[in-house]
C-alpha atoms as a PDB file:
ATOM      1  CA  MET A   1      76.575 115.679 101.535  1.00  0.00           C
ATOM      2  CA  LYS A   2      80.060 116.513 100.184  1.00  0.00           C
ATOM      3  CA  ILE A   3      83.048 114.719 101.676  1.00  0.00           C
ATOM      4  CA  PRO A   4      85.460 117.250 103.231  1.00  0.00           C
ATOM      5  CA  GLN A   5      88.433 118.178 101.016  1.00  0.00           C
ATOM      6  CA  SER A   6      90.755 117.078 103.865  1.00  0.00           C
ATOM      7  CA  ALA A   7      89.901 113.430 103.090  1.00  0.00           C
ATOM      8  CA  CYS A   8      90.964 113.847  99.432  1.00  0.00           C
ATOM      9  CA  ALA A   9      94.135 115.700 100.482  1.00  0.00           C
ATOM     10  CA  LEU A  10      95.020 112.901 102.886  1.00  0.00           C
ATOM     11  CA  ALA A  11      94.754 110.276 100.137  1.00  0.00           C
ATOM     12  CA  VAL A  12      97.057 112.282  97.828  1.00  0.00           C
ATOM     13  CA  ALA A  13      99.597 112.787 100.618  1.00  0.00           C
ATOM     14  CA  CYS A  14      99.703 109.056 101.305  1.00  0.00           C
ATOM     15  CA  VAL A  15     100.515 108.282  97.652  1.00  0.00           C
ATOM     16  CA  VAL A  16     103.345 110.837  97.551  1.00  0.00           C
ATOM     17  CA  PHE A  17     104.812 109.596 100.832  1.00  0.00           C
ATOM     18  CA  ALA A  18     104.773 105.991  99.554  1.00  0.00           C
ATOM     19  CA  SER A  19     106.726 106.958  96.411  1.00  0.00           C
ATOM     20  CA  VAL A  20     109.660 108.385  98.428  1.00  0.00           C
ATOM     21  CA  SER A  21     109.629 105.763 101.186  1.00  0.00           C
ATOM     22  CA  PRO A  22     109.816 102.277  99.617  1.00  0.00           C
ATOM     23  CA  ALA A  23     109.856 100.645 103.049  1.00  0.00           C
ATOM     24  CA  LEU A  24     106.428 102.085 103.805  1.00  0.00           C
ATOM     25  CA  ARG A  25     104.573 101.239 100.571  1.00  0.00           C
ATOM     26  CA  ALA A  26     101.499  99.783 102.299  1.00  0.00           C
ATOM     27  CA  ASP A  27      98.262 100.437 100.398  1.00  0.00           C
ATOM     28  CA  PRO A  28      96.881 103.802 101.699  1.00  0.00           C
ATOM     29  CA  ALA A  29      93.389 103.278 100.273  1.00  0.00           C
ATOM     30  CA  PRO A  30      91.862 101.532 103.323  1.00  0.00           C
ATOM     31  CA  ALA A  31      93.033 104.291 105.679  1.00  0.00           C
ATOM     32  CA  ALA A  32      91.780 107.034 103.360  1.00  0.00           C
ATOM     33  CA  ALA A  33      88.435 105.305 102.895  1.00  0.00           C
ATOM     34  CA  GLN A  34      88.055 104.843 106.646  1.00  0.00           C
ATOM     35  CA  HIS A  35      88.814 108.542 107.221  1.00  0.00           C
ATOM     36  CA  ALA A  36      86.255 109.534 104.557  1.00  0.00           C
ATOM     37  CA  ARG A  37      83.552 107.331 106.096  1.00  0.00           C
ATOM     38  CA  LEU A  38      84.251 108.773 109.562  1.00  0.00           C
ATOM     39  CA  ALA A  39      84.085 112.349 108.238  1.00  0.00           C
ATOM     40  CA  SER A  40      80.818 111.608 106.415  1.00  0.00           C
ATOM     41  CA  LYS A  41      79.230 110.098 109.534  1.00  0.00           C
ATOM     42  CA  THR A  42      80.330 113.073 111.637  1.00  0.00           C
ATOM     43  CA  ALA A  43      78.835 115.551 109.163  1.00  0.00           C
ATOM     44  CA  ALA A  44      75.579 113.586 108.962  1.00  0.00           C
ATOM     45  CA  ALA A  45      75.300 113.459 112.746  1.00  0.00           C
ATOM     46  CA  GLY A  46      75.818 117.223 112.894  1.00  0.00           C
ATOM     47  CA  ALA A  47      73.076 117.792 110.324  1.00  0.00           C
ATOM     48  CA  ARG A  48      70.654 115.608 112.287  1.00  0.00           C
ATOM     49  CA  GLY A  49      71.375 117.595 115.441  1.00  0.00           C
ATOM     50  CA  LYS A  50      70.278 120.882 113.852  1.00  0.00           C
ATOM     51  CA  PRO A  51      66.570 121.783 114.034  1.00  0.00           C
ATOM     52  CA  ALA A  52      64.796 121.863 110.668  1.00  0.00           C
ATOM     53  CA  ALA A  53      64.294 125.368 109.278  1.00  0.00           C
ATOM     54  CA  ALA A  54      60.704 126.575 109.231  1.00  0.00           C
ATOM     55  CA  PRO A  55      59.234 126.770 105.715  1.00  0.00           C
ATOM     56  CA  ALA A  56      58.948 130.219 104.208  1.00  0.00           C
ATOM     57  CA  PRO A  57      55.440 131.638 103.789  1.00  0.00           C
ATOM     58  CA  PHE A  58      54.147 131.794 100.232  1.00  0.00           C
ATOM     59  CA  SER A  59      54.753 134.987  98.293  1.00  0.00           C
ATOM     60  CA  PHE A  60      53.068 136.771  95.387  1.00  0.00           C
ATOM     61  CA  ARG A  61      55.498 138.288  92.887  1.00  0.00           C
ATOM     62  CA  GLY A  62      58.049 139.000  95.605  1.00  0.00           C
ATOM     63  CA  ILE A  63      55.528 140.138  98.229  1.00  0.00           C
ATOM     64  CA  ALA A  64      55.718 137.589 101.053  1.00  0.00           C
ATOM     65  CA  LEU A  65      53.057 136.754 103.608  1.00  0.00           C
ATOM     66  CA  GLY A  66      54.250 137.869 107.029  1.00  0.00           C
ATOM     67  CA  GLU A  67      56.213 140.885 105.839  1.00  0.00           C
ATOM     68  CA  THR A  68      55.636 144.210 107.562  1.00  0.00           C
ATOM     69  CA  LEU A  69      53.538 147.047 106.213  1.00  0.00           C
ATOM     70  CA  GLU A  70      56.676 149.193 106.137  1.00  0.00           C
ATOM     71  CA  ALA A  71      58.499 146.621 103.999  1.00  0.00           C
ATOM     72  CA  PHE A  72      55.504 146.372 101.661  1.00  0.00           C
ATOM     73  CA  ARG A  73      55.525 150.132 101.137  1.00  0.00           C
ATOM     74  CA  THR A  74      59.207 150.083 100.138  1.00  0.00           C
ATOM     75  CA  HIS A  75      58.745 147.753  97.152  1.00  0.00           C
ATOM     76  CA  GLU A  76      60.234 149.421  94.108  1.00  0.00           C
ATOM     77  CA  ALA A  77      57.136 149.080  91.940  1.00  0.00           C
ATOM     78  CA  ALA A  78      53.476 148.226  92.371  1.00  0.00           C
ATOM     79  CA  ARG A  79      52.318 144.880  91.006  1.00  0.00           C
ATOM     80  CA  ALA A  80      49.511 146.698  89.214  1.00  0.00           C
ATOM     81  CA  VAL A  81      48.544 148.730  86.178  1.00  0.00           C
ATOM     82  CA  PRO A  82      48.638 151.499  85.121  1.00  0.00           C
ATOM     83  CA  VAL A  83      52.299 152.361  85.568  1.00  0.00           C
ATOM     84  CA  GLY A  84      52.786 154.690  88.498  1.00  0.00           C
ATOM     85  CA  SER A  85      50.275 152.948  90.751  1.00  0.00           C
ATOM     86  CA  VAL A  86      50.972 153.126  94.488  1.00  0.00           C
ATOM     87  CA  ALA A  87      49.635 151.376  97.574  1.00  0.00           C
ATOM     88  CA  ILE A  88      46.701 153.149  99.217  1.00  0.00           C
ATOM     89  CA  CYS A  89      46.201 151.862 102.755  1.00  0.00           C
ATOM     90  CA  GLU A  90      43.474 152.555 105.305  1.00  0.00           C
ATOM     91  CA  THR A  91      41.528 150.868 108.084  1.00  0.00           C
ATOM     92  CA  ASP A  92      40.358 147.423 106.984  1.00  0.00           C
ATOM     93  CA  MET A  93      36.589 147.083 106.710  1.00  0.00           C
ATOM     94  CA  ALA A  94      36.945 143.802 108.617  1.00  0.00           C
ATOM     95  CA  ALA A  95      37.443 145.995 111.703  1.00  0.00           C
ATOM     96  CA  ALA A  96      34.105 147.778 111.335  1.00  0.00           C
ATOM     97  CA  SER A  97      32.503 145.673 114.043  1.00  0.00           C
ATOM     98  CA  LEU A  98      35.163 146.874 116.457  1.00  0.00           C
ATOM     99  CA  GLY A  99      34.322 150.513 115.879  1.00  0.00           C
ATOM    100  CA  MET A 100      37.610 151.452 114.252  1.00  0.00           C
ATOM    101  CA  ARG A 101      37.576 154.680 112.294  1.00  0.00           C
ATOM    102  CA  PHE A 102      37.880 154.366 108.537  1.00  0.00           C
ATOM    103  CA  LYS A 103      40.064 156.301 106.100  1.00  0.00           C
ATOM    104  CA  THR A 104      43.158 156.291 108.272  1.00  0.00           C
ATOM    105  CA  SER A 105      46.527 154.552 108.025  1.00  0.00           C
ATOM    106  CA  ASP A 106      46.901 154.681 111.827  1.00  0.00           C
ATOM    107  CA  SER A 107      44.955 151.581 112.766  1.00  0.00           C
ATOM    108  CA  LEU A 108      45.338 148.117 114.274  1.00  0.00           C
ATOM    109  CA  THR A 109      44.242 146.584 110.968  1.00  0.00           C
ATOM    110  CA  ILE A 110      45.062 147.878 107.504  1.00  0.00           C
ATOM    111  CA  ALA A 111      43.825 146.997 104.017  1.00  0.00           C
ATOM    112  CA  CYS A 112      45.882 148.091 101.011  1.00  0.00           C
ATOM    113  CA  ARG A 113      44.904 148.386  97.372  1.00  0.00           C
ATOM    114  CA  TRP A 114      46.879 149.811  94.501  1.00  0.00           C
ATOM    115  CA  GLY A 115      45.632 153.053  93.016  1.00  0.00           C
ATOM    116  CA  HIS A 116      46.745 155.825  90.693  1.00  0.00           C
ATOM    117  CA  ALA A 117      46.291 159.571  90.625  1.00  0.00           C
ATOM    118  CA  VAL A 118      43.849 161.232  88.220  1.00  0.00           C
ATOM    119  CA  HIS A 119      43.059 164.901  87.687  1.00  0.00           C
ATOM    120  CA  ASP A 120      40.412 165.020  90.407  1.00  0.00           C
ATOM    121  CA  GLY A 121      41.686 162.442  92.914  1.00  0.00           C
ATOM    122  CA  TRP A 122      42.486 158.741  92.912  1.00  0.00           C
ATOM    123  CA  GLU A 123      41.186 155.709  91.039  1.00  0.00           C
ATOM    124  CA  ALA A 124      41.642 152.025  91.752  1.00  0.00           C
ATOM    125  CA  SER A 125      44.339 150.213  89.794  1.00  0.00           C
ATOM    126  CA  GLN A 126      44.305 146.582  88.721  1.00  0.00           C
ATOM    127  CA  ALA A 127      46.692 144.098  90.308  1.00  0.00           C
ATOM    128  CA  VAL A 128      48.468 141.978  87.703  1.00  0.00           C
ATOM    129  CA  VAL A 129      48.086 138.221  88.274  1.00  0.00           C
ATOM    130  CA  ASP A 130      49.797 135.797  85.903  1.00  0.00           C
ATOM    131  CA  GLY A 131      50.357 138.659  83.462  1.00  0.00           C
ATOM    132  CA  VAL A 132      46.670 139.660  83.370  1.00  0.00           C
ATOM    133  CA  PRO A 133      44.953 142.577  85.194  1.00  0.00           C
ATOM    134  CA  SER A 134      42.714 141.272  87.993  1.00  0.00           C
ATOM    135  CA  LEU A 135      39.125 142.310  88.571  1.00  0.00           C
ATOM    136  CA  ASP A 136      39.696 143.148  92.252  1.00  0.00           C
ATOM    137  CA  HIS A 137      42.348 142.784  94.934  1.00  0.00           C
ATOM    138  CA  VAL A 138      43.137 143.539  98.578  1.00  0.00           C
ATOM    139  CA  LEU A 139      46.131 142.976 100.880  1.00  0.00           C
ATOM    140  CA  ARG A 140      45.386 142.830 104.609  1.00  0.00           C
ATOM    141  CA  PHE A 141      47.727 143.598 107.509  1.00  0.00           C
ATOM    142  CA  ALA A 142      47.376 143.088 111.259  1.00  0.00           C
ATOM    143  CA  SER A 143      49.689 142.805 114.234  1.00  0.00           C
ATOM    144  CA  PRO A 144      50.162 139.178 115.335  1.00  0.00           C
ATOM    145  CA  ASP A 145      50.103 140.219 119.007  1.00  0.00           C
ATOM    146  CA  GLY A 146      48.120 143.442 118.712  1.00  0.00           C
ATOM    147  CA  GLN A 147      51.187 145.495 119.618  1.00  0.00           C
ATOM    148  CA  GLY A 148      54.029 144.723 117.190  1.00  0.00           C
ATOM    149  CA  PRO A 149      54.362 145.891 113.582  1.00  0.00           C
ATOM    150  CA  LEU A 150      51.503 145.234 111.191  1.00  0.00           C
ATOM    151  CA  ARG A 151      52.206 142.155 109.071  1.00  0.00           C
ATOM    152  CA  LEU A 152      50.657 140.890 105.859  1.00  0.00           C
ATOM    153  CA  TYR A 153      48.357 137.956 106.593  1.00  0.00           C
ATOM    154  CA  GLU A 154      46.130 137.824 103.485  1.00  0.00           C
ATOM    155  CA  MET A 155      46.306 138.648  99.768  1.00  0.00           C
ATOM    156  CA  SER A 156      43.112 138.172  97.757  1.00  0.00           C
ATOM    157  CA  PHE A 157      42.486 138.572  94.040  1.00  0.00           C
ATOM    158  CA  VAL A 158      39.505 138.117  91.716  1.00  0.00           C
ATOM    159  CA  ILE A 159      40.590 136.891  88.274  1.00  0.00           C
ATOM    160  CA  ASP A 160      38.899 135.557  85.151  1.00  0.00           C
ATOM    161  CA  GLU A 161      38.384 131.851  84.577  1.00  0.00           C
ATOM    162  CA  ALA A 162      40.971 131.485  81.797  1.00  0.00           C
ATOM    163  CA  THR A 163      43.677 133.150  83.866  1.00  0.00           C
ATOM    164  CA  ALA A 164      42.781 130.912  86.823  1.00  0.00           C
ATOM    165  CA  ALA A 165      43.124 127.755  84.709  1.00  0.00           C
ATOM    166  CA  ASP A 166      46.563 128.840  83.505  1.00  0.00           C
ATOM    167  CA  LEU A 167      47.560 129.814  87.034  1.00  0.00           C
ATOM    168  CA  ARG A 168      46.517 126.418  88.404  1.00  0.00           C
ATOM    169  CA  GLN A 169      48.981 124.764  86.038  1.00  0.00           C
ATOM    170  CA  GLY A 170      51.725 127.196  86.986  1.00  0.00           C
ATOM    171  CA  LEU A 171      51.199 126.727  90.714  1.00  0.00           C
ATOM    172  CA  GLY A 172      51.160 122.961  90.209  1.00  0.00           C
ATOM    173  CA  LEU A 173      54.526 123.051  88.481  1.00  0.00           C
ATOM    174  CA  LYS A 174      55.979 125.218  91.243  1.00  0.00           C
ATOM    175  CA  TYR A 175      54.450 123.629  94.353  1.00  0.00           C
ATOM    176  CA  GLY A 176      53.237 120.224  93.215  1.00  0.00           C
ATOM    177  CA  ALA A 177      49.742 118.806  92.926  1.00  0.00           C
ATOM    178  CA  PRO A 178      47.138 120.738  94.942  1.00  0.00           C
ATOM    179  CA  ARG A 179      44.694 119.320  97.432  1.00  0.00           C
ATOM    180  CA  LEU A 180      41.105 119.366  96.193  1.00  0.00           C
ATOM    181  CA  ASP A 181      39.057 120.865  98.990  1.00  0.00           C
ATOM    182  CA  THR A 182      36.877 118.202 100.590  1.00  0.00           C
ATOM    183  CA  GLY A 183      33.936 120.597 100.714  1.00  0.00           C
ATOM    184  CA  TRP A 184      33.588 120.482  96.941  1.00  0.00           C
ATOM    185  CA  ASP A 185      31.031 118.062  95.515  1.00  0.00           C
ATOM    186  CA  PRO A 186      31.661 117.513  91.766  1.00  0.00           C
ATOM    187  CA  SER A 187      28.117 116.196  91.302  1.00  0.00           C
ATOM    188  CA  ALA A 188      26.464 119.316  92.708  1.00  0.00           C
ATOM    189  CA  SER A 189      25.053 121.903  90.340  1.00  0.00           C
ATOM    190  CA  HIS A 190      27.025 125.130  90.105  1.00  0.00           C
ATOM    191  CA  ALA A 191      29.847 123.459  92.046  1.00  0.00           C
ATOM    192  CA  ALA A 192      32.877 125.619  92.739  1.00  0.00           C
ATOM    193  CA  PRO A 193      36.098 123.545  92.569  1.00  0.00           C
ATOM    194  CA  VAL A 194      38.617 124.641  95.179  1.00  0.00           C
ATOM    195  CA  TYR A 195      42.339 123.845  94.901  1.00  0.00           C
ATOM    196  CA  VAL A 196      44.655 124.305  97.871  1.00  0.00           C
ATOM    197  CA  TRP A 197      48.450 124.405  98.155  1.00  0.00           C
ATOM    198  CA  GLU A 198      49.806 124.657 101.675  1.00  0.00           C
ATOM    199  CA  ASN A 199      52.836 124.353 103.881  1.00  0.00           C
ATOM    200  CA  ALA A 200      53.209 124.545 107.664  1.00  0.00           C
ATOM    201  CA  VAL A 201      52.742 128.309 107.827  1.00  0.00           C
ATOM    202  CA  SER A 202      50.632 129.410 104.857  1.00  0.00           C
ATOM    203  CA  SER A 203      48.277 128.400 102.069  1.00  0.00           C
ATOM    204  CA  ILE A 204      47.212 129.332  98.543  1.00  0.00           C
ATOM    205  CA  THR A 205      43.575 128.741  97.612  1.00  0.00           C
ATOM    206  CA  LEU A 206      42.207 128.922  94.065  1.00  0.00           C
ATOM    207  CA  CYS A 207      38.429 128.777  93.900  1.00  0.00           C
ATOM    208  CA  PHE A 208      36.608 128.633  90.556  1.00  0.00           C
ATOM    209  CA  LEU A 209      33.199 130.343  90.386  1.00  0.00           C
ATOM    210  CA  PRO A 210      31.335 128.830  87.408  1.00  0.00           C
ATOM    211  CA  ALA A 211      28.329 131.105  87.821  1.00  0.00           C
ATOM    212  CA  THR A 212      30.401 134.214  87.165  1.00  0.00           C
ATOM    213  CA  ARG A 213      33.180 132.590  85.073  1.00  0.00           C
ATOM    214  CA  ASN A 214      35.657 134.085  87.527  1.00  0.00           C
ATOM    215  CA  ALA A 215      37.849 132.732  90.303  1.00  0.00           C
ATOM    216  CA  THR A 216      39.323 133.904  93.589  1.00  0.00           C
ATOM    217  CA  LEU A 217      42.984 133.530  94.462  1.00  0.00           C
ATOM    218  CA  THR A 218      43.858 133.844  98.164  1.00  0.00           C
ATOM    219  CA  TYR A 219      47.259 133.752  99.876  1.00  0.00           C
ATOM    220  CA  LEU A 220      46.793 133.296 103.617  1.00  0.00           C
ATOM    221  CA  LEU A 221      48.902 132.849 106.726  1.00  0.00           C
ATOM    222  CA  LYS A 222      47.771 130.001 108.931  1.00  0.00           C
ATOM    223  CA  ARG A 223      45.384 130.907 111.794  1.00  0.00           C
ATOM    224  CA  PRO A 224      44.409 134.407 110.573  1.00  0.00           C
ATOM    225  CA  ASP A 225      41.455 134.359 112.975  1.00  0.00           C
ATOM    226  CA  ALA A 226      43.922 134.287 115.887  1.00  0.00           C
ATOM    227  CA  GLN A 227      45.561 137.441 114.565  1.00  0.00           C
ATOM    228  CA  LEU A 228      42.249 139.264 114.305  1.00  0.00           C
ATOM    229  CA  LYS A 229      41.232 138.128 117.778  1.00  0.00           C
ATOM    230  CA  SER A 230      44.460 139.573 119.171  1.00  0.00           C
ATOM    231  CA  VAL A 231      43.634 142.860 117.443  1.00  0.00           C
ATOM    232  CA  GLU A 232      40.157 142.780 118.955  1.00  0.00           C
ATOM    233  CA  ARG A 233      41.562 142.189 122.451  1.00  0.00           C
ATOM    234  CA  GLN A 234      44.036 145.041 122.011  1.00  0.00           C
ATOM    235  CA  TRP A 235      41.283 147.353 120.752  1.00  0.00           C
ATOM    236  CA  GLN A 236      38.975 146.503 123.644  1.00  0.00           C
ATOM    237  CA  ALA A 237      41.797 146.978 126.162  1.00  0.00           C
ATOM    238  CA  SER A 238      42.673 150.402 124.767  1.00  0.00           C
ATOM    239  CA  ASN A 239      39.014 151.470 124.889  1.00  0.00           C
ATOM    240  CA  SER A 240      38.608 150.355 128.495  1.00  0.00           C
ATOM    241  CA  ASP A 241      41.771 152.218 129.494  1.00  0.00           C
ATOM    242  CA  SER A 242      40.566 155.420 127.867  1.00  0.00           C
ATOM    243  CA  GLY A 243      37.114 155.120 129.465  1.00  0.00           C
END
């Protein structure tokens, strides 16, 4: 915490005043020090009185969990190859059990993937993770209350084992040591080690898949099941109203 400049100015003023008033040449240091201590205590008390800011959700290459679908669409460039890829968004397959119609961007849940145009339509692009094209990816959006704007609650990627190992080091340097998921048993055959970084609002999970020599990387807002349940309630309510 920086001491206010007024404390330093007061000390300088005292020295100047003493030089032109010999009768008042008492040492100004104690008064200046007392003023500085009082100012520091006041500032500290003010800081303690303010509520702590909520941690920001994790983000992937500038795409933050919790951002709206509209904001996602306005990103200057896709995080995918080939160049010129764009986000292709439609009803998320996770909503199939609710009876939502597929192949539409007007839905209570949306899944986006990057794609690029070819001569006879569209082809899937590859999201770039840690500088390497991924094997698969999806970004999922839902409304937290079933009525507001759709917000990003999950980003999932399938990457190769070597990229995952490099990424684990990078995430460790950025966010600290991960938590090793308690469900992983190192002695089990074909064990899949799972590393988790988390804060109060989101998590990053890196799961190695030895059988396929791949890994999954998942960015997730906390309590995603609550978001999907709110979508389900909204969907059921709209169906009952129309019936």
